[in-house]
């Protein structure tokens, strides 16, 4: 059945992608309004956060699956990298939020 949408739009949407879409539908695009010197810091956190956030869910599910199936040698290899990536995504998400929504007051507190 063809719904009139392109084939790429019929892909399964992960929970993080759907919450991101919901957020953008409610809020729209939010430009960075912080100090100019904070913009490279913001982008330096945002770009790896986006890339790693897309990888962390399949990585975690694969790690769990391998342990569940008893493939412990393969599980250990992934389990060494999965928690640090998950932690980076979690912490950088909070920092990106603070820089995006509170960057003006943050730059005033750091400068003066």
N, C-alpha and C. Protein backbone atom coordinates (compact mmCIF):
# COMPACT_ATOMS: atom_id res chain seq x y z
N UNK A 1 0.84 -1.17 0.00
CA UNK A 1 0.00 0.00 0.00
C UNK A 1 0.89 1.24 0.00
N UNK A 2 0.66 2.12 -0.94
CA UNK A 2 1.45 3.33 -1.07
C UNK A 2 0.69 4.48 -0.43
N UNK A 3 1.28 5.08 0.60
CA UNK A 3 0.62 6.17 1.32
C UNK A 3 0.94 7.53 0.72
N UNK A 4 1.70 7.56 -0.37
CA UNK A 4 2.06 8.83 -0.97
C UNK A 4 3.31 9.44 -0.36
N UNK A 5 3.85 8.79 0.67
CA UNK A 5 5.07 9.29 1.29
C UNK A 5 6.27 8.59 0.67
N UNK A 6 7.45 9.23 0.69
CA UNK A 6 8.65 8.56 0.19
C UNK A 6 8.96 7.33 1.04
N UNK A 7 9.67 6.37 0.47
CA UNK A 7 9.94 5.11 1.17
C UNK A 7 10.78 5.34 2.43
N UNK A 8 11.67 6.32 2.43
CA UNK A 8 12.50 6.55 3.61
C UNK A 8 11.68 7.04 4.79
N UNK A 9 10.50 7.64 4.55
CA UNK A 9 9.70 8.16 5.66
C UNK A 9 8.90 7.07 6.35
N UNK A 10 8.85 5.86 5.77
CA UNK A 10 8.12 4.75 6.37
C UNK A 10 8.99 3.93 7.31
N UNK A 11 10.21 4.37 7.56
CA UNK A 11 11.10 3.64 8.43
C UNK A 11 10.60 3.72 9.87
N UNK A 12 11.01 2.76 10.67
CA UNK A 12 10.65 2.76 12.08
C UNK A 12 11.29 3.96 12.76
N UNK A 13 10.53 4.63 13.60
CA UNK A 13 11.02 5.81 14.31
C UNK A 13 11.34 5.40 15.74
N UNK A 14 12.58 5.67 16.15
CA UNK A 14 12.98 5.34 17.51
C UNK A 14 12.34 6.34 18.48
N UNK A 15 12.25 5.98 19.77
CA UNK A 15 11.66 6.91 20.75
C UNK A 15 12.40 8.24 20.81
N UNK A 16 13.73 8.22 20.70
CA UNK A 16 14.47 9.49 20.78
C UNK A 16 14.17 10.36 19.56
N UNK A 17 14.02 9.73 18.38
CA UNK A 17 13.68 10.51 17.19
C UNK A 17 12.29 11.07 17.28
N UNK A 18 11.35 10.31 17.84
CA UNK A 18 9.99 10.83 17.92
C UNK A 18 9.88 11.93 18.96
N UNK A 19 10.63 11.85 20.07
CA UNK A 19 10.58 12.94 21.03
C UNK A 19 11.24 14.19 20.46
N UNK A 20 12.28 14.01 19.68
CA UNK A 20 12.92 15.15 19.03
C UNK A 20 11.95 15.80 18.05
N UNK A 21 11.26 14.99 17.27
CA UNK A 21 10.27 15.55 16.33
C UNK A 21 9.15 16.26 17.08
N UNK A 22 8.67 15.67 18.18
CA UNK A 22 7.61 16.30 18.97
C UNK A 22 8.09 17.64 19.51
N UNK A 23 9.31 17.67 20.04
CA UNK A 23 9.87 18.91 20.59
C UNK A 23 9.92 19.99 19.51
N UNK A 24 10.43 19.65 18.32
CA UNK A 24 10.53 20.65 17.25
C UNK A 24 9.16 21.08 16.75
N UNK A 25 8.18 20.18 16.82
CA UNK A 25 6.83 20.57 16.42
C UNK A 25 6.23 21.55 17.43
N UNK A 26 6.57 21.40 18.70
CA UNK A 26 6.03 22.28 19.74
C UNK A 26 6.81 23.59 19.85
N UNK A 27 8.13 23.52 19.76
CA UNK A 27 8.99 24.67 20.04
C UNK A 27 9.49 25.33 18.76
N UNK A 28 9.73 24.54 17.72
CA UNK A 28 10.33 25.07 16.50
C UNK A 28 11.84 25.06 16.64
N UNK A 29 12.51 25.74 15.74
CA UNK A 29 13.97 25.83 15.80
C UNK A 29 14.36 26.91 16.79
N UNK A 30 15.33 26.61 17.62
CA UNK A 30 15.81 27.55 18.62
C UNK A 30 17.25 27.91 18.27
N UNK A 31 17.50 29.13 17.80
CA UNK A 31 18.87 29.51 17.46
C UNK A 31 19.70 29.72 18.73
N UNK A 32 21.00 29.58 18.59
CA UNK A 32 21.91 29.81 19.72
C UNK A 32 22.06 31.31 19.93
N UNK A 33 21.73 31.78 21.14
CA UNK A 33 21.79 33.21 21.45
C UNK A 33 22.89 33.56 22.44
N UNK A 34 23.77 32.64 22.71
CA UNK A 34 24.82 32.90 23.68
C UNK A 34 25.93 33.77 23.13
N UNK A 35 26.93 33.99 23.95
CA UNK A 35 28.09 34.79 23.55
C UNK A 35 28.81 34.09 22.39
N UNK A 36 29.46 34.88 21.57
CA UNK A 36 30.15 34.35 20.38
C UNK A 36 31.22 33.33 20.76
N UNK A 37 31.89 33.54 21.88
CA UNK A 37 32.95 32.61 22.27
C UNK A 37 32.39 31.28 22.76
N UNK A 38 31.09 31.22 23.13
CA UNK A 38 30.48 29.97 23.56
C UNK A 38 29.97 29.12 22.39
N UNK A 39 29.79 29.73 21.22
CA UNK A 39 29.24 29.00 20.08
C UNK A 39 30.11 27.80 19.66
N UNK A 40 31.44 27.93 19.56
CA UNK A 40 32.25 26.75 19.23
C UNK A 40 32.15 25.65 20.30
N UNK A 41 32.03 26.05 21.56
CA UNK A 41 31.86 25.06 22.63
C UNK A 41 30.54 24.33 22.44
N UNK A 42 29.48 25.10 22.17
CA UNK A 42 28.15 24.53 21.94
C UNK A 42 28.16 23.55 20.76
N UNK A 43 28.71 23.98 19.63
CA UNK A 43 28.75 23.12 18.45
C UNK A 43 29.68 21.92 18.66
N UNK A 44 30.76 22.12 19.40
CA UNK A 44 31.69 21.03 19.70
C UNK A 44 31.05 19.95 20.56
N UNK A 45 30.07 20.32 21.37
CA UNK A 45 29.32 19.32 22.14
C UNK A 45 28.15 18.76 21.34
N UNK A 46 27.48 19.61 20.56
CA UNK A 46 26.28 19.21 19.84
C UNK A 46 26.53 18.17 18.75
N UNK A 47 27.53 18.38 17.93
CA UNK A 47 27.77 17.49 16.79
C UNK A 47 28.09 16.06 17.25
N UNK A 48 29.06 15.85 18.15
CA UNK A 48 29.29 14.46 18.60
C UNK A 48 28.09 13.90 19.37
N UNK A 49 27.36 14.77 20.09
CA UNK A 49 26.17 14.31 20.81
C UNK A 49 25.15 13.72 19.83
N UNK A 50 24.90 14.39 18.72
CA UNK A 50 23.93 13.91 17.74
C UNK A 50 24.39 12.60 17.12
N UNK A 51 25.65 12.54 16.72
CA UNK A 51 26.17 11.33 16.08
C UNK A 51 26.13 10.15 17.04
N UNK A 52 26.62 10.34 18.26
CA UNK A 52 26.67 9.25 19.22
C UNK A 52 25.29 8.88 19.74
N UNK A 53 24.38 9.84 19.84
CA UNK A 53 23.02 9.52 20.27
C UNK A 53 22.33 8.60 19.28
N UNK A 54 22.64 8.77 18.00
CA UNK A 54 22.06 7.89 16.99
C UNK A 54 22.63 6.48 17.10
N UNK A 55 23.84 6.34 17.62
CA UNK A 55 24.49 5.04 17.71
C UNK A 55 24.26 4.32 19.04
N UNK A 56 23.96 5.06 20.10
CA UNK A 56 23.97 4.45 21.43
C UNK A 56 22.82 3.47 21.65
N UNK A 57 21.65 3.70 21.10
CA UNK A 57 20.54 2.77 21.31
C UNK A 57 20.80 1.42 20.63
N UNK A 58 21.16 1.40 19.33
CA UNK A 58 21.47 0.10 18.74
C UNK A 58 22.68 -0.57 19.40
N UNK A 59 23.65 0.21 19.82
CA UNK A 59 24.82 -0.33 20.49
C UNK A 59 24.44 -1.00 21.81
N UNK A 60 23.60 -0.32 22.61
CA UNK A 60 23.17 -0.88 23.89
C UNK A 60 22.31 -2.13 23.68
N UNK A 61 21.41 -2.07 22.71
CA UNK A 61 20.56 -3.24 22.45
C UNK A 61 21.38 -4.44 21.96
N UNK A 62 22.37 -4.18 21.13
CA UNK A 62 23.25 -5.26 20.66
C UNK A 62 24.06 -5.83 21.82
N UNK A 63 24.53 -4.98 22.71
CA UNK A 63 25.29 -5.44 23.88
C UNK A 63 24.43 -6.34 24.75
N UNK A 64 23.20 -5.92 25.01
CA UNK A 64 22.28 -6.72 25.83
C UNK A 64 21.94 -8.03 25.13
N UNK A 65 21.68 -7.97 23.85
CA UNK A 65 21.33 -9.16 23.07
C UNK A 65 22.45 -10.19 23.11
N UNK A 66 23.68 -9.74 22.94
CA UNK A 66 24.82 -10.67 22.95
C UNK A 66 24.99 -11.34 24.31
N UNK A 67 24.75 -10.60 25.39
CA UNK A 67 24.83 -11.22 26.72
C UNK A 67 23.69 -12.20 26.92
N UNK A 68 22.51 -11.84 26.47
CA UNK A 68 21.33 -12.69 26.61
C UNK A 68 21.50 -14.01 25.86
N UNK A 69 22.11 -13.94 24.68
CA UNK A 69 22.31 -15.14 23.87
C UNK A 69 23.54 -15.96 24.31
N UNK A 70 24.31 -15.44 25.27
CA UNK A 70 25.46 -16.17 25.78
C UNK A 70 26.74 -15.95 24.99
N UNK A 71 26.78 -14.96 24.12
CA UNK A 71 27.99 -14.63 23.36
C UNK A 71 28.83 -13.64 24.17
N UNK A 72 29.38 -14.12 25.29
CA UNK A 72 30.01 -13.21 26.24
C UNK A 72 31.31 -12.60 25.73
N UNK A 73 32.04 -13.30 24.88
CA UNK A 73 33.27 -12.71 24.34
C UNK A 73 32.92 -11.49 23.47
N UNK A 74 31.91 -11.62 22.62
CA UNK A 74 31.48 -10.49 21.78
C UNK A 74 30.79 -9.42 22.62
N UNK A 75 30.05 -9.85 23.66
CA UNK A 75 29.39 -8.90 24.56
C UNK A 75 30.41 -8.01 25.27
N UNK A 76 31.48 -8.63 25.78
CA UNK A 76 32.49 -7.86 26.52
C UNK A 76 33.13 -6.76 25.67
N UNK A 77 33.37 -7.08 24.40
CA UNK A 77 33.97 -6.06 23.50
C UNK A 77 33.09 -4.83 23.39
N UNK A 78 31.80 -5.04 23.21
CA UNK A 78 30.89 -3.90 23.12
C UNK A 78 30.65 -3.26 24.48
N UNK A 79 30.60 -4.08 25.52
CA UNK A 79 30.31 -3.56 26.86
C UNK A 79 31.41 -2.64 27.38
N UNK A 80 32.59 -2.72 26.80
CA UNK A 80 33.67 -1.81 27.20
C UNK A 80 33.45 -0.39 26.67
N UNK A 81 32.80 -0.26 25.53
CA UNK A 81 32.62 1.06 24.93
C UNK A 81 31.22 1.64 25.10
N UNK A 82 30.22 0.78 25.32
CA UNK A 82 28.84 1.25 25.40
C UNK A 82 28.60 2.19 26.59
N UNK A 83 28.97 1.86 27.83
CA UNK A 83 28.69 2.78 28.94
C UNK A 83 29.36 4.16 28.81
N UNK A 84 30.65 4.25 28.38
CA UNK A 84 31.22 5.59 28.22
C UNK A 84 30.49 6.42 27.15
N UNK A 85 30.08 5.77 26.06
CA UNK A 85 29.35 6.51 25.02
C UNK A 85 28.01 6.96 25.55
N UNK A 86 27.30 6.07 26.24
CA UNK A 86 26.01 6.43 26.84
C UNK A 86 26.17 7.59 27.83
N UNK A 87 27.21 7.53 28.65
CA UNK A 87 27.45 8.60 29.63
C UNK A 87 27.74 9.92 28.94
N UNK A 88 28.56 9.91 27.88
CA UNK A 88 28.84 11.13 27.13
C UNK A 88 27.56 11.71 26.55
N UNK A 89 26.72 10.86 25.95
CA UNK A 89 25.48 11.34 25.35
C UNK A 89 24.58 11.94 26.43
N UNK A 90 24.50 11.31 27.58
CA UNK A 90 23.65 11.81 28.66
C UNK A 90 24.13 13.16 29.18
N UNK A 91 25.41 13.25 29.48
CA UNK A 91 25.96 14.50 30.04
C UNK A 91 25.97 15.60 28.99
N UNK A 92 26.37 15.28 27.76
CA UNK A 92 26.41 16.32 26.72
C UNK A 92 25.01 16.81 26.37
N UNK A 93 23.99 15.96 26.49
CA UNK A 93 22.62 16.40 26.25
C UNK A 93 22.19 17.47 27.25
N UNK A 94 22.54 17.28 28.51
CA UNK A 94 22.22 18.28 29.53
C UNK A 94 23.00 19.56 29.28
N UNK A 95 24.28 19.44 28.94
CA UNK A 95 25.09 20.63 28.68
C UNK A 95 24.60 21.39 27.45
N UNK A 96 24.23 20.68 26.40
CA UNK A 96 23.69 21.33 25.20
C UNK A 96 22.41 22.08 25.55
N UNK A 97 21.55 21.46 26.35
CA UNK A 97 20.31 22.12 26.78
C UNK A 97 20.61 23.40 27.55
N UNK A 98 21.54 23.32 28.49
CA UNK A 98 21.89 24.50 29.30
C UNK A 98 22.48 25.59 28.41
N UNK A 99 23.37 25.22 27.51
CA UNK A 99 23.97 26.21 26.62
C UNK A 99 22.94 26.82 25.68
N UNK A 100 21.98 26.05 25.23
CA UNK A 100 20.99 26.56 24.29
C UNK A 100 19.96 27.45 24.96
N UNK A 101 19.46 27.04 26.12
CA UNK A 101 18.37 27.78 26.75
C UNK A 101 18.82 28.73 27.84
N UNK A 102 20.05 28.62 28.30
CA UNK A 102 20.51 29.48 29.39
C UNK A 102 21.87 30.10 29.07
N UNK A 103 22.24 30.18 27.80
CA UNK A 103 23.58 30.64 27.42
C UNK A 103 23.79 32.12 27.72
N UNK A 104 22.75 32.94 27.57
CA UNK A 104 22.93 34.38 27.84
C UNK A 104 23.28 34.62 29.28
N UNK A 105 22.53 34.04 30.20
CA UNK A 105 22.82 34.26 31.62
C UNK A 105 24.12 33.55 32.02
N UNK A 106 24.41 32.42 31.39
CA UNK A 106 25.66 31.72 31.68
C UNK A 106 26.88 32.56 31.27
N UNK A 107 26.81 33.17 30.08
CA UNK A 107 27.94 33.98 29.63
C UNK A 107 28.10 35.23 30.49
N UNK A 108 26.99 35.80 30.97
CA UNK A 108 27.10 36.96 31.87
C UNK A 108 27.75 36.57 33.17
N UNK A 109 27.40 35.39 33.71
CA UNK A 109 27.99 34.95 34.99
C UNK A 109 29.46 34.62 34.84
N UNK A 110 29.88 34.10 33.68
CA UNK A 110 31.28 33.73 33.49
C UNK A 110 32.16 34.92 33.16
N UNK A 111 31.60 35.92 32.49
CA UNK A 111 32.40 37.06 32.05
C UNK A 111 32.58 38.09 33.16
N UNK A 112 31.56 38.39 33.87
CA UNK A 112 31.60 39.52 34.80
C UNK A 112 31.61 39.10 36.24
